[in-house]
Amino acid sequence: MADHAGARSWLRSWRREALSDEWRVMQLVVALACLFVTASIGFTYARDIGVAGWQLWTWLVSVVVAVSVLLAGSGRPAVARGGLELSTG
């Protein structure tokens, strides 16, 4: 019984964090869209030995978009957030 309560508590806190602001919602949507594109292409062309080429480019664009959105954090560069320290020597 305690395991279910812990799982519900974890899910509740995860949902609250994931939906805390518009930027996090956009990150979640973009990540899920990339996952959907990747899975769709994978399941559709799993038995094919070769593909036409657009599948690779579609997958690559979706991954690049997802990675750039997820790396952006709060929408500002990491240097502006103080996340990176620049040294001169």
PDB file of N, CA and C in Angstrom:
ATOM      1  N   MET A   1       0.809  -1.178   0.000  1.00  0.00           N
ATOM      2  CA  MET A   1       0.000   0.000   0.000  1.00  0.00           C
ATOM      3  C   MET A   1       0.863   1.257   0.000  1.00  0.00           C
ATOM      4  N   ALA A   2       1.965   1.217   0.725  1.00  0.00           N
ATOM      5  CA  ALA A   2       2.853   2.377   0.794  1.00  0.00           C
ATOM      6  C   ALA A   2       3.511   2.647  -0.557  1.00  0.00           C
ATOM      7  N   ASP A   3       3.745   1.579  -1.354  1.00  0.00           N
ATOM      8  CA  ASP A   3       4.355   1.765  -2.665  1.00  0.00           C
ATOM      9  C   ASP A   3       3.443   2.560  -3.584  1.00  0.00           C
ATOM     10  N   HIS A   4       2.156   2.301  -3.523  1.00  0.00           N
ATOM     11  CA  HIS A   4       1.218   3.038  -4.368  1.00  0.00           C
ATOM     12  C   HIS A   4       1.131   4.498  -3.947  1.00  0.00           C
ATOM     13  N   ALA A   5       1.165   4.743  -2.660  1.00  0.00           N
ATOM     14  CA  ALA A   5       1.128   6.126  -2.178  1.00  0.00           C
ATOM     15  C   ALA A   5       2.397   6.870  -2.590  1.00  0.00           C
ATOM     16  N   GLY A   6       3.538   6.198  -2.516  1.00  0.00           N
ATOM     17  CA  GLY A   6       4.791   6.816  -2.938  1.00  0.00           C
ATOM     18  C   GLY A   6       4.811   7.097  -4.422  1.00  0.00           C
ATOM     19  N   ALA A   7       4.281   6.160  -5.208  1.00  0.00           N
ATOM     20  CA  ALA A   7       4.223   6.351  -6.660  1.00  0.00           C
ATOM     21  C   ALA A   7       3.288   7.499  -7.013  1.00  0.00           C
ATOM     22  N   ARG A   8       2.153   7.576  -6.337  1.00  0.00           N
ATOM     23  CA  ARG A   8       1.219   8.679  -6.600  1.00  0.00           C
ATOM     24  C   ARG A   8       1.828  10.016  -6.213  1.00  0.00           C
ATOM     25  N   SER A   9       2.538  10.034  -5.097  1.00  0.00           N
ATOM     26  CA  SER A   9       3.190  11.267  -4.657  1.00  0.00           C
ATOM     27  C   SER A   9       4.265  11.687  -5.652  1.00  0.00           C
ATOM     28  N   TRP A  10       5.036  10.712  -6.138  1.00  0.00           N
ATOM     29  CA  TRP A  10       6.077  11.018  -7.120  1.00  0.00           C
ATOM     30  C   TRP A  10       5.454  11.520  -8.409  1.00  0.00           C
ATOM     31  N   LEU A  11       4.387  10.868  -8.863  1.00  0.00           N
ATOM     32  CA  LEU A  11       3.724  11.285 -10.091  1.00  0.00           C
ATOM     33  C   LEU A  11       3.123  12.679  -9.941  1.00  0.00           C
ATOM     34  N   ARG A  12       2.539  12.965  -8.796  1.00  0.00           N
ATOM     35  CA  ARG A  12       1.960  14.282  -8.539  1.00  0.00           C
ATOM     36  C   ARG A  12       3.030  15.364  -8.561  1.00  0.00           C
ATOM     37  N   SER A  13       4.168  15.091  -7.917  1.00  0.00           N
ATOM     38  CA  SER A  13       5.236  16.098  -7.902  1.00  0.00           C
ATOM     39  C   SER A  13       5.864  16.252  -9.285  1.00  0.00           C
ATOM     40  N   TRP A  14       5.987  15.152 -10.028  1.00  0.00           N
ATOM     41  CA  TRP A  14       6.526  15.233 -11.390  1.00  0.00           C
ATOM     42  C   TRP A  14       5.589  16.056 -12.272  1.00  0.00           C
ATOM     43  N   ARG A  15       4.303  15.815 -12.164  1.00  0.00           N
ATOM     44  CA  ARG A  15       3.327  16.552 -12.966  1.00  0.00           C
ATOM     45  C   ARG A  15       3.362  18.041 -12.615  1.00  0.00           C
ATOM     46  N   ARG A  16       3.461  18.356 -11.330  1.00  0.00           N
ATOM     47  CA  ARG A  16       3.508  19.752 -10.908  1.00  0.00           C
ATOM     48  C   ARG A  16       4.766  20.435 -11.464  1.00  0.00           C
ATOM     49  N   GLU A  17       5.888  19.726 -11.440  1.00  0.00           N
ATOM     50  CA  GLU A  17       7.141  20.297 -11.957  1.00  0.00           C
ATOM     51  C   GLU A  17       7.103  20.431 -13.479  1.00  0.00           C
ATOM     52  N   ALA A  18       6.596  19.414 -14.170  1.00  0.00           N
ATOM     53  CA  ALA A  18       6.571  19.431 -15.633  1.00  0.00           C
ATOM     54  C   ALA A  18       5.622  20.484 -16.173  1.00  0.00           C
ATOM     55  N   LEU A  19       4.561  20.775 -15.454  1.00  0.00           N
ATOM     56  CA  LEU A  19       3.569  21.742 -15.919  1.00  0.00           C
ATOM     57  C   LEU A  19       3.664  23.063 -15.163  1.00  0.00           C
ATOM     58  N   SER A  20       4.843  23.340 -14.588  1.00  0.00           N
ATOM     59  CA  SER A  20       4.988  24.523 -13.747  1.00  0.00           C
ATOM     60  C   SER A  20       4.940  25.841 -14.522  1.00  0.00           C
ATOM     61  N   ASP A  21       5.415  25.852 -15.748  1.00  0.00           N
ATOM     62  CA  ASP A  21       5.328  27.068 -16.555  1.00  0.00           C
ATOM     63  C   ASP A  21       5.253  26.689 -18.029  1.00  0.00           C
ATOM     64  N   GLU A  22       5.011  27.687 -18.864  1.00  0.00           N
ATOM     65  CA  GLU A  22       4.806  27.438 -20.290  1.00  0.00           C
ATOM     66  C   GLU A  22       6.043  26.853 -20.963  1.00  0.00           C
ATOM     67  N   TRP A  23       7.216  27.284 -20.522  1.00  0.00           N
ATOM     68  CA  TRP A  23       8.440  26.803 -21.144  1.00  0.00           C
ATOM     69  C   TRP A  23       8.612  25.304 -20.909  1.00  0.00           C
ATOM     70  N   ARG A  24       8.356  24.843 -19.695  1.00  0.00           N
ATOM     71  CA  ARG A  24       8.488  23.411 -19.403  1.00  0.00           C
ATOM     72  C   ARG A  24       7.452  22.601 -20.169  1.00  0.00           C
ATOM     73  N   VAL A  25       6.264  23.144 -20.330  1.00  0.00           N
ATOM     74  CA  VAL A  25       5.245  22.451 -21.119  1.00  0.00           C
ATOM     75  C   VAL A  25       5.713  22.329 -22.564  1.00  0.00           C
ATOM     76  N   MET A  26       6.299  23.412 -23.105  1.00  0.00           N
ATOM     77  CA  MET A  26       6.804  23.353 -24.471  1.00  0.00           C
ATOM     78  C   MET A  26       7.930  22.323 -24.585  1.00  0.00           C
ATOM     79  N   GLN A  27       8.820  22.265 -23.605  1.00  0.00           N
ATOM     80  CA  GLN A  27       9.889  21.270 -23.622  1.00  0.00           C
ATOM     81  C   GLN A  27       9.314  19.857 -23.635  1.00  0.00           C
ATOM     82  N   LEU A  28       8.310  19.632 -22.818  1.00  0.00           N
ATOM     83  CA  LEU A  28       7.684  18.314 -22.748  1.00  0.00           C
ATOM     84  C   LEU A  28       7.016  17.956 -24.072  1.00  0.00           C
ATOM     85  N   VAL A  29       6.304  18.899 -24.664  1.00  0.00           N
ATOM     86  CA  VAL A  29       5.623  18.652 -25.939  1.00  0.00           C
ATOM     87  C   VAL A  29       6.634  18.370 -27.046  1.00  0.00           C
ATOM     88  N   VAL A  30       7.709  19.145 -27.106  1.00  0.00           N
ATOM     89  CA  VAL A  30       8.724  18.944 -28.143  1.00  0.00           C
ATOM     90  C   VAL A  30       9.421  17.588 -27.956  1.00  0.00           C
ATOM     91  N   ALA A  31       9.739  17.231 -26.718  1.00  0.00           N
ATOM     92  CA  ALA A  31      10.378  15.940 -26.466  1.00  0.00           C
ATOM     93  C   ALA A  31       9.457  14.786 -26.840  1.00  0.00           C
ATOM     94  N   LEU A  32       8.179  14.890 -26.496  1.00  0.00           N
ATOM     95  CA  LEU A  32       7.227  13.839 -26.862  1.00  0.00           C
ATOM     96  C   LEU A  32       7.020  13.772 -28.377  1.00  0.00           C
ATOM     97  N   ALA A  33       7.021  14.922 -29.049  1.00  0.00           N
ATOM     98  CA  ALA A  33       6.892  14.933 -30.509  1.00  0.00           C
ATOM     99  C   ALA A  33       8.091  14.257 -31.165  1.00  0.00           C
ATOM    100  N   CYS A  34       9.293  14.531 -30.653  1.00  0.00           N
ATOM    101  CA  CYS A  34      10.494  13.883 -31.180  1.00  0.00           C
ATOM    102  C   CYS A  34      10.427  12.375 -30.958  1.00  0.00           C
ATOM    103  N   LEU A  35       9.979  11.975 -29.785  1.00  0.00           N
ATOM    104  CA  LEU A  35       9.823  10.553 -29.494  1.00  0.00           C
ATOM    105  C   LEU A  35       8.819   9.909 -30.435  1.00  0.00           C
ATOM    106  N   PHE A  36       7.711  10.604 -30.717  1.00  0.00           N
ATOM    107  CA  PHE A  36       6.700  10.088 -31.626  1.00  0.00           C
ATOM    108  C   PHE A  36       7.243   9.953 -33.052  1.00  0.00           C
ATOM    109  N   VAL A  37       7.966  10.984 -33.520  1.00  0.00           N
ATOM    110  CA  VAL A  37       8.545  10.926 -34.873  1.00  0.00           C
ATOM    111  C   VAL A  37       9.544   9.779 -34.976  1.00  0.00           C
ATOM    112  N   THR A  38      10.406   9.645 -33.980  1.00  0.00           N
ATOM    113  CA  THR A  38      11.409   8.589 -33.992  1.00  0.00           C
ATOM    114  C   THR A  38      10.759   7.210 -33.977  1.00  0.00           C
ATOM    115  N   ALA A  39       9.778   7.019 -33.108  1.00  0.00           N
ATOM    116  CA  ALA A  39       9.102   5.720 -33.022  1.00  0.00           C
ATOM    117  C   ALA A  39       8.321   5.419 -34.295  1.00  0.00           C
ATOM    118  N   SER A  40       7.661   6.427 -34.859  1.00  0.00           N
ATOM    119  CA  SER A  40       6.886   6.214 -36.089  1.00  0.00           C
ATOM    120  C   SER A  40       7.780   5.790 -37.245  1.00  0.00           C
ATOM    121  N   ILE A  41       8.872   6.497 -37.420  1.00  0.00           N
ATOM    122  CA  ILE A  41       9.801   6.133 -38.497  1.00  0.00           C
ATOM    123  C   ILE A  41      10.395   4.756 -38.229  1.00  0.00           C
ATOM    124  N   GLY A  42      10.753   4.496 -36.999  1.00  0.00           N
ATOM    125  CA  GLY A  42      11.344   3.196 -36.656  1.00  0.00           C
ATOM    126  C   GLY A  42      10.400   2.044 -36.897  1.00  0.00           C
ATOM    127  N   PHE A  43       9.164   2.163 -36.424  1.00  0.00           N
ATOM    128  CA  PHE A  43       8.204   1.074 -36.603  1.00  0.00           C
ATOM    129  C   PHE A  43       7.801   0.906 -38.057  1.00  0.00           C
ATOM    130  N   THR A  44       7.686   1.997 -38.787  1.00  0.00           N
ATOM    131  CA  THR A  44       7.263   1.924 -40.185  1.00  0.00           C
ATOM    132  C   THR A  44       8.331   1.287 -41.074  1.00  0.00           C
ATOM    133  N   TYR A  45       9.588   1.624 -40.851  1.00  0.00           N
ATOM    134  CA  TYR A  45      10.653   1.184 -41.742  1.00  0.00           C
ATOM    135  C   TYR A  45      11.587   0.158 -41.093  1.00  0.00           C
ATOM    136  N   ALA A  46      11.151  -0.516 -40.049  1.00  0.00           N
ATOM    137  CA  ALA A  46      12.007  -1.464 -39.333  1.00  0.00           C
ATOM    138  C   ALA A  46      12.416  -2.649 -40.205  1.00  0.00           C
ATOM    139  N   ARG A  47      11.553  -3.062 -41.086  1.00  0.00           N
ATOM    140  CA  ARG A  47      11.852  -4.250 -41.909  1.00  0.00           C
ATOM    141  C   ARG A  47      12.533  -3.918 -43.233  1.00  0.00           C
ATOM    142  N   ASP A  48      12.645  -2.635 -43.537  1.00  0.00           N
ATOM    143  CA  ASP A  48      13.286  -2.234 -44.785  1.00  0.00           C
ATOM    144  C   ASP A  48      14.798  -2.201 -44.606  1.00  0.00           C
ATOM    145  N   ILE A  49      15.500  -2.647 -45.630  1.00  0.00           N
ATOM    146  CA  ILE A  49      16.964  -2.607 -45.583  1.00  0.00           C
ATOM    147  C   ILE A  49      17.468  -1.208 -45.892  1.00  0.00           C
ATOM    148  N   GLY A  50      16.850  -0.530 -46.817  1.00  0.00           N
ATOM    149  CA  GLY A  50      17.243   0.825 -47.175  1.00  0.00           C
ATOM    150  C   GLY A  50      16.025   1.739 -47.169  1.00  0.00           C
ATOM    151  N   VAL A  51      16.262   3.010 -47.007  1.00  0.00           N
ATOM    152  CA  VAL A  51      15.176   3.984 -47.031  1.00  0.00           C
ATOM    153  C   VAL A  51      15.512   5.075 -48.034  1.00  0.00           C
ATOM    154  N   ALA A  52      14.524   5.879 -48.376  1.00  0.00           N
ATOM    155  CA  ALA A  52      14.682   6.890 -49.428  1.00  0.00           C
ATOM    156  C   ALA A  52      15.606   8.034 -49.020  1.00  0.00           C
ATOM    157  N   GLY A  53      15.676   8.346 -47.772  1.00  0.00           N
ATOM    158  CA  GLY A  53      16.549   9.436 -47.332  1.00  0.00           C
ATOM    159  C   GLY A  53      15.825  10.483 -46.531  1.00  0.00           C
ATOM    160  N   TRP A  54      14.571  10.754 -46.869  1.00  0.00           N
ATOM    161  CA  TRP A  54      13.832  11.771 -46.124  1.00  0.00           C
ATOM    162  C   TRP A  54      13.598  11.344 -44.680  1.00  0.00           C
ATOM    163  N   GLN A  55      13.566  10.037 -44.447  1.00  0.00           N
ATOM    164  CA  GLN A  55      13.353   9.546 -43.088  1.00  0.00           C
ATOM    165  C   GLN A  55      14.507   9.962 -42.176  1.00  0.00           C
ATOM    166  N   LEU A  56      15.719   9.844 -42.684  1.00  0.00           N
ATOM    167  CA  LEU A  56      16.885  10.238 -41.905  1.00  0.00           C
ATOM    168  C   LEU A  56      16.868  11.732 -41.613  1.00  0.00           C
ATOM    169  N   TRP A  57      16.550  12.531 -42.624  1.00  0.00           N
ATOM    170  CA  TRP A  57      16.544  13.978 -42.442  1.00  0.00           C
ATOM    171  C   TRP A  57      15.413  14.413 -41.509  1.00  0.00           C
ATOM    172  N   THR A  58      14.260  13.780 -41.612  1.00  0.00           N
ATOM    173  CA  THR A  58      13.151  14.094 -40.702  1.00  0.00           C
ATOM    174  C   THR A  58      13.527  13.769 -39.276  1.00  0.00           C
ATOM    175  N   TRP A  59      14.120  12.600 -39.075  1.00  0.00           N
ATOM    176  CA  TRP A  59      14.552  12.205 -37.739  1.00  0.00           C
ATOM    177  C   TRP A  59      15.610  13.168 -37.212  1.00  0.00           C
ATOM    178  N   LEU A  60      16.586  13.500 -38.037  1.00  0.00           N
ATOM    179  CA  LEU A  60      17.667  14.385 -37.622  1.00  0.00           C
ATOM    180  C   LEU A  60      17.145  15.767 -37.234  1.00  0.00           C
ATOM    181  N   VAL A  61      16.232  16.316 -38.020  1.00  0.00           N
ATOM    182  CA  VAL A  61      15.661  17.628 -37.701  1.00  0.00           C
ATOM    183  C   VAL A  61      14.891  17.568 -36.384  1.00  0.00           C
ATOM    184  N   SER A  62      14.114  16.507 -36.179  1.00  0.00           N
ATOM    185  CA  SER A  62      13.350  16.419 -34.931  1.00  0.00           C
ATOM    186  C   SER A  62      14.267  16.283 -33.723  1.00  0.00           C
ATOM    187  N   VAL A  63      15.358  15.548 -33.853  1.00  0.00           N
ATOM    188  CA  VAL A  63      16.302  15.400 -32.745  1.00  0.00           C
ATOM    189  C   VAL A  63      17.023  16.718 -32.465  1.00  0.00           C
ATOM    190  N   VAL A  64      17.439  17.418 -33.506  1.00  0.00           N
ATOM    191  CA  VAL A  64      18.129  18.698 -33.319  1.00  0.00           C
ATOM    192  C   VAL A  64      17.199  19.710 -32.649  1.00  0.00           C
ATOM    193  N   VAL A  65      15.957  19.768 -33.077  1.00  0.00           N
ATOM    194  CA  VAL A  65      14.995  20.688 -32.461  1.00  0.00           C
ATOM    195  C   VAL A  65      14.779  20.321 -31.000  1.00  0.00           C
ATOM    196  N   ALA A  66      14.582  19.033 -30.717  1.00  0.00           N
ATOM    197  CA  ALA A  66      14.348  18.600 -29.335  1.00  0.00           C
ATOM    198  C   ALA A  66      15.555  18.898 -28.451  1.00  0.00           C
ATOM    199  N   VAL A  67      16.747  18.595 -28.928  1.00  0.00           N
ATOM    200  CA  VAL A  67      17.944  18.839 -28.124  1.00  0.00           C
ATOM    201  C   VAL A  67      18.139  20.331 -27.881  1.00  0.00           C
ATOM    202  N   SER A  68      17.922  21.147 -28.897  1.00  0.00           N
ATOM    203  CA  SER A  68      18.111  22.589 -28.710  1.00  0.00           C
ATOM    204  C   SER A  68      17.090  23.166 -27.743  1.00  0.00           C
ATOM    205  N   VAL A  69      15.853  22.694 -27.788  1.00  0.00           N
ATOM    206  CA  VAL A  69      14.836  23.184 -26.855  1.00  0.00           C
ATOM    207  C   VAL A  69      15.135  22.701 -25.440  1.00  0.00           C
ATOM    208  N   LEU A  70      15.552  21.451 -25.303  1.00  0.00           N
ATOM    209  CA  LEU A  70      15.836  20.926 -23.970  1.00  0.00           C
ATOM    210  C   LEU A  70      17.093  21.550 -23.376  1.00  0.00           C
ATOM    211  N   LEU A  71      18.076  21.867 -24.195  1.00  0.00           N
ATOM    212  CA  LEU A  71      19.291  22.488 -23.684  1.00  0.00           C
ATOM    213  C   LEU A  71      19.093  23.960 -23.334  1.00  0.00           C
ATOM    214  N   ALA A  72      18.116  24.579 -23.938  1.00  0.00           N
ATOM    215  CA  ALA A  72      17.912  26.004 -23.714  1.00  0.00           C
ATOM    216  C   ALA A  72      17.474  26.312 -22.290  1.00  0.00           C
ATOM    217  N   GLY A  73      16.955  25.353 -21.576  1.00  0.00           N
ATOM    218  CA  GLY A  73      16.574  25.572 -20.181  1.00  0.00           C
ATOM    219  C   GLY A  73      15.386  26.480 -20.043  1.00  0.00           C
ATOM    220  N   SER A  74      15.606  27.660 -19.571  1.00  0.00           N
ATOM    221  CA  SER A  74      14.495  28.579 -19.339  1.00  0.00           C
ATOM    222  C   SER A  74      14.299  29.541 -20.510  1.00  0.00           C
ATOM    223  N   GLY A  75      14.918  29.269 -21.614  1.00  0.00           N
ATOM    224  CA  GLY A  75      14.753  30.131 -22.773  1.00  0.00           C
ATOM    225  C   GLY A  75      15.864  31.137 -22.928  1.00  0.00           C
ATOM    226  N   ARG A  76      16.753  31.201 -21.953  1.00  0.00           N
ATOM    227  CA  ARG A  76      17.897  32.108 -22.029  1.00  0.00           C
ATOM    228  C   ARG A  76      19.158  31.272 -22.135  1.00  0.00           C
ATOM    229  N   PRO A  77      20.204  31.789 -22.728  1.00  0.00           N
ATOM    230  CA  PRO A  77      21.466  31.051 -22.784  1.00  0.00           C
ATOM    231  C   PRO A  77      21.993  30.756 -21.383  1.00  0.00           C
ATOM    232  N   ALA A  78      22.734  29.680 -21.241  1.00  0.00           N
ATOM    233  CA  ALA A  78      23.258  29.274 -19.934  1.00  0.00           C
ATOM    234  C   ALA A  78      24.173  30.339 -19.343  1.00  0.00           C
ATOM    235  N   VAL A  79      24.875  31.092 -20.178  1.00  0.00           N
ATOM    236  CA  VAL A  79      25.770  32.133 -19.673  1.00  0.00           C
ATOM    237  C   VAL A  79      24.959  33.221 -18.994  1.00  0.00           C
ATOM    238  N   ALA A  80      23.814  33.578 -19.565  1.00  0.00           N
ATOM    239  CA  ALA A  80      22.971  34.615 -18.971  1.00  0.00           C
ATOM    240  C   ALA A  80      22.366  34.150 -17.656  1.00  0.00           C
ATOM    241  N   ARG A  81      22.131  32.846 -17.501  1.00  0.00           N
ATOM    242  CA  ARG A  81      21.585  32.313 -16.258  1.00  0.00           C
ATOM    243  C   ARG A  81      22.652  32.133 -15.210  1.00  0.00           C
ATOM    244  N   GLY A  82      23.908  32.263 -15.571  1.00  0.00           N
ATOM    245  CA  GLY A  82      24.987  32.043 -14.618  1.00  0.00           C
ATOM    246  C   GLY A  82      25.369  30.578 -14.542  1.00  0.00           C
ATOM    247  N   GLY A  83      24.942  29.793 -15.514  1.00  0.00           N
ATOM    248  CA  GLY A  83      25.224  28.370 -15.488  1.00  0.00           C
ATOM    249  C   GLY A  83      26.636  28.029 -15.939  1.00  0.00           C
ATOM    250  N   LEU A  84      27.264  28.883 -16.692  1.00  0.00           N
ATOM    251  CA  LEU A  84      28.614  28.644 -17.168  1.00  0.00           C
ATOM    252  C   LEU A  84      29.544  29.700 -16.607  1.00  0.00           C
ATOM    253  N   GLU A  85      30.709  29.279 -16.247  1.00  0.00           N
ATOM    254  CA  GLU A  85      31.704  30.239 -15.789  1.00  0.00           C
ATOM    255  C   GLU A  85      32.773  30.359 -16.870  1.00  0.00           C
ATOM    256  N   LEU A  86      33.034  31.563 -17.275  1.00  0.00           N
ATOM    257  CA  LEU A  86      34.056  31.799 -18.282  1.00  0.00           C
ATOM    258  C   LEU A  86      35.344  32.205 -17.610  1.00  0.00           C
ATOM    259  N   SER A  87      36.412  31.546 -17.977  1.00  0.00           N
ATOM    260  CA  SER A  87      37.710  31.908 -17.390  1.00  0.00           C
ATOM    261  C   SER A  87      38.604  32.469 -18.479  1.00  0.00           C
ATOM    262  N   THR A  88      39.488  33.358 -18.088  1.00  0.00           N
ATOM    263  CA  THR A  88      40.383  33.997 -19.055  1.00  0.00           C
ATOM    264  C   THR A  88      41.777  33.389 -19.037  1.00  0.00           C
ATOM    265  N   GLY A  89      41.994  32.436 -18.212  1.00  0.00           N
ATOM    266  CA  GLY A  89      43.349  31.942 -18.235  1.00  0.00           C
ATOM    267  C   GLY A  89      43.496  30.745 -17.464  1.00  0.00           C
TER     268      GLY A  89
END
